[in-house]
Amino acid sequence: MDKLNLYDKIISPLVTEKSTNLSAQNKIIFKVHPGANKKNLKKNIKKIFKVDVIKVNIINKKTRIKITRGKKVRVKGFKKAIITLKKDQNIDLTTGI
């Protein structure tokens, strides 16, 4: 696999009701590249956003089949990372990278 750029590992932030509730606990959720790992994500988040990362949890969402209007539709899977930040630090997702 080719070397990925600093910004290539983080695809986008996931803004859902659950991720909004987790932001009260200093946790941010990002959709990440399938080849990303915890060590690289921690280093990249520190460099890009200039915050202290305590912990990184990675979850693989599998591809699944959903039935919509009687037809089978494939919902593509992805990898997401839950980043825990140091207390009193946050990432403003509205400004962009």
C-alpha atoms as a PDB file:
ATOM      1  CA  MET A   1       0.000   0.000   0.000  1.00  0.00           C
ATOM      2  CA  ASP A   2       1.272   3.462  -0.850  1.00  0.00           C
ATOM      3  CA  LYS A   3       2.106   5.974   1.832  1.00  0.00           C
ATOM      4  CA  LEU A   4      -0.972   8.023   2.670  1.00  0.00           C
ATOM      5  CA  ASN A   5      -0.847  11.769   3.143  1.00  0.00           C
ATOM      6  CA  LEU A   6      -1.607  13.316   6.542  1.00  0.00           C
ATOM      7  CA  TYR A   7      -5.099  14.385   5.438  1.00  0.00           C
ATOM      8  CA  ASP A   8      -5.908  11.187   3.500  1.00  0.00           C
ATOM      9  CA  LYS A   9      -6.480   9.070   6.612  1.00  0.00           C
ATOM     10  CA  ILE A  10      -9.400  11.189   7.881  1.00  0.00           C
ATOM     11  CA  ILE A  11     -12.287  11.187   5.399  1.00  0.00           C
ATOM     12  CA  SER A  12     -14.967  13.147   7.263  1.00  0.00           C
ATOM     13  CA  PRO A  13     -16.480  13.741  10.691  1.00  0.00           C
ATOM     14  CA  LEU A  14     -19.604  11.746  11.533  1.00  0.00           C
ATOM     15  CA  VAL A  15     -22.280  14.043  12.906  1.00  0.00           C
ATOM     16  CA  THR A  16     -25.142  12.001  14.319  1.00  0.00           C
ATOM     17  CA  GLU A  17     -27.250  12.178  17.447  1.00  0.00           C
ATOM     18  CA  LYS A  18     -24.997   9.658  19.172  1.00  0.00           C
ATOM     19  CA  SER A  19     -21.792  11.485  18.206  1.00  0.00           C
ATOM     20  CA  THR A  20     -23.263  14.781  19.415  1.00  0.00           C
ATOM     21  CA  ASN A  21     -24.009  13.207  22.802  1.00  0.00           C
ATOM     22  CA  LEU A  22     -20.461  11.812  22.972  1.00  0.00           C
ATOM     23  CA  SER A  23     -18.994  15.276  22.423  1.00  0.00           C
ATOM     24  CA  ALA A  24     -19.975  16.082  26.020  1.00  0.00           C
ATOM     25  CA  GLN A  25     -17.427  13.418  27.046  1.00  0.00           C
ATOM     26  CA  ASN A  26     -14.667  14.961  24.843  1.00  0.00           C
ATOM     27  CA  LYS A  27     -15.111  12.303  22.134  1.00  0.00           C
ATOM     28  CA  ILE A  28     -15.166  13.030  18.392  1.00  0.00           C
ATOM     29  CA  ILE A  29     -16.115  10.501  15.698  1.00  0.00           C
ATOM     30  CA  PHE A  30     -14.466  10.461  12.258  1.00  0.00           C
ATOM     31  CA  LYS A  31     -14.949   8.309   9.193  1.00  0.00           C
ATOM     32  CA  VAL A  32     -11.435   7.098   8.334  1.00  0.00           C
ATOM     33  CA  HIS A  33      -9.541   5.326   5.547  1.00  0.00           C
ATOM     34  CA  PRO A  34      -9.766   1.495   5.673  1.00  0.00           C
ATOM     35  CA  GLY A  35      -5.974   1.258   5.968  1.00  0.00           C
ATOM     36  CA  ALA A  36      -5.721   3.612   8.951  1.00  0.00           C
ATOM     37  CA  ASN A  37      -4.588   2.361  12.347  1.00  0.00           C
ATOM     38  CA  LYS A  38      -4.713   3.743  15.882  1.00  0.00           C
ATOM     39  CA  LYS A  39      -1.092   4.871  16.083  1.00  0.00           C
ATOM     40  CA  ASN A  40      -1.209   6.821  12.800  1.00  0.00           C
ATOM     41  CA  LEU A  41      -4.611   8.356  13.559  1.00  0.00           C
ATOM     42  CA  LYS A  42      -3.454   9.590  16.953  1.00  0.00           C
ATOM     43  CA  LYS A  43      -0.385  11.225  15.406  1.00  0.00           C
ATOM     44  CA  ASN A  44      -2.370  12.773  12.520  1.00  0.00           C
ATOM     45  CA  ILE A  45      -5.109  14.210  14.781  1.00  0.00           C
ATOM     46  CA  LYS A  46      -2.443  15.791  16.995  1.00  0.00           C
ATOM     47  CA  LYS A  47      -0.733  17.405  13.979  1.00  0.00           C
ATOM     48  CA  ILE A  48      -3.852  18.590  12.159  1.00  0.00           C
ATOM     49  CA  PHE A  49      -5.978  19.909  15.039  1.00  0.00           C
ATOM     50  CA  LYS A  50      -3.223  20.621  17.630  1.00  0.00           C
ATOM     51  CA  VAL A  51      -4.984  18.790  20.482  1.00  0.00           C
ATOM     52  CA  ASP A  52      -3.891  16.083  22.936  1.00  0.00           C
ATOM     53  CA  VAL A  53      -5.377  12.669  22.136  1.00  0.00           C
ATOM     54  CA  ILE A  54      -5.840  10.287  25.054  1.00  0.00           C
ATOM     55  CA  LYS A  55      -7.338   7.264  23.301  1.00  0.00           C
ATOM     56  CA  VAL A  56      -8.399   6.058  19.842  1.00  0.00           C
ATOM     57  CA  ASN A  57     -11.046   3.361  19.310  1.00  0.00           C
ATOM     58  CA  ILE A  58     -11.657   1.964  15.827  1.00  0.00           C
ATOM     59  CA  ILE A  59     -14.888   0.304  14.674  1.00  0.00           C
ATOM     60  CA  ASN A  60     -15.382  -1.510  11.357  1.00  0.00           C
ATOM     61  CA  LYS A  61     -18.946  -1.232  10.060  1.00  0.00           C
ATOM     62  CA  LYS A  62     -19.562  -4.183   7.741  1.00  0.00           C
ATOM     63  CA  THR A  63     -21.349  -4.049   4.414  1.00  0.00           C
ATOM     64  CA  ARG A  64     -24.954  -5.137   4.861  1.00  0.00           C
ATOM     65  CA  ILE A  65     -28.048  -5.740   2.773  1.00  0.00           C
ATOM     66  CA  LYS A  66     -31.136  -3.648   3.465  1.00  0.00           C
ATOM     67  CA  ILE A  67     -34.575  -4.168   1.957  1.00  0.00           C
ATOM     68  CA  THR A  68     -36.070  -0.947   0.585  1.00  0.00           C
ATOM     69  CA  ARG A  69     -39.443  -0.986  -1.185  1.00  0.00           C
ATOM     70  CA  GLY A  70     -39.144  -4.730  -1.718  1.00  0.00           C
ATOM     71  CA  LYS A  71     -35.690  -4.538  -3.311  1.00  0.00           C
ATOM     72  CA  LYS A  72     -32.409  -5.590  -1.794  1.00  0.00           C
ATOM     73  CA  VAL A  73     -29.961  -2.696  -1.526  1.00  0.00           C
ATOM     74  CA  ARG A  74     -26.340  -2.995  -0.462  1.00  0.00           C
ATOM     75  CA  VAL A  75     -25.264  -0.501   2.227  1.00  0.00           C
ATOM     76  CA  LYS A  76     -21.511  -0.051   1.945  1.00  0.00           C
ATOM     77  CA  GLY A  77     -19.439  -0.562   5.093  1.00  0.00           C
ATOM     78  CA  PHE A  78     -16.810   1.837   6.423  1.00  0.00           C
ATOM     79  CA  LYS A  79     -14.299   2.313   9.220  1.00  0.00           C
ATOM     80  CA  LYS A  80     -14.862   4.878  11.950  1.00  0.00           C
ATOM     81  CA  ALA A  81     -12.662   6.118  14.760  1.00  0.00           C
ATOM     82  CA  ILE A  82     -13.739   7.485  18.130  1.00  0.00           C
ATOM     83  CA  ILE A  83     -11.109   9.961  19.328  1.00  0.00           C
ATOM     84  CA  THR A  84     -10.993  10.779  23.066  1.00  0.00           C
ATOM     85  CA  LEU A  85      -9.452  14.185  23.777  1.00  0.00           C
ATOM     86  CA  LYS A  86      -7.886  15.603  26.912  1.00  0.00           C
ATOM     87  CA  LYS A  87     -10.275  17.437  29.243  1.00  0.00           C
ATOM     88  CA  ASP A  88     -11.104  21.054  28.250  1.00  0.00           C
ATOM     89  CA  GLN A  89      -9.991  20.514  24.636  1.00  0.00           C
ATOM     90  CA  ASN A  90     -12.263  20.247  21.633  1.00  0.00           C
ATOM     91  CA  ILE A  91     -12.284  20.190  17.845  1.00  0.00           C
ATOM     92  CA  ASP A  92     -14.574  22.622  16.047  1.00  0.00           C
ATOM     93  CA  LEU A  93     -16.041  20.575  13.200  1.00  0.00           C
ATOM     94  CA  THR A  94     -17.746  23.547  11.560  1.00  0.00           C
ATOM     95  CA  THR A  95     -14.493  25.234  10.487  1.00  0.00           C
ATOM     96  CA  GLY A  96     -13.196  22.342   8.365  1.00  0.00           C
ATOM     97  CA  ILE A  97      -9.599  21.286   7.917  1.00  0.00           C
END
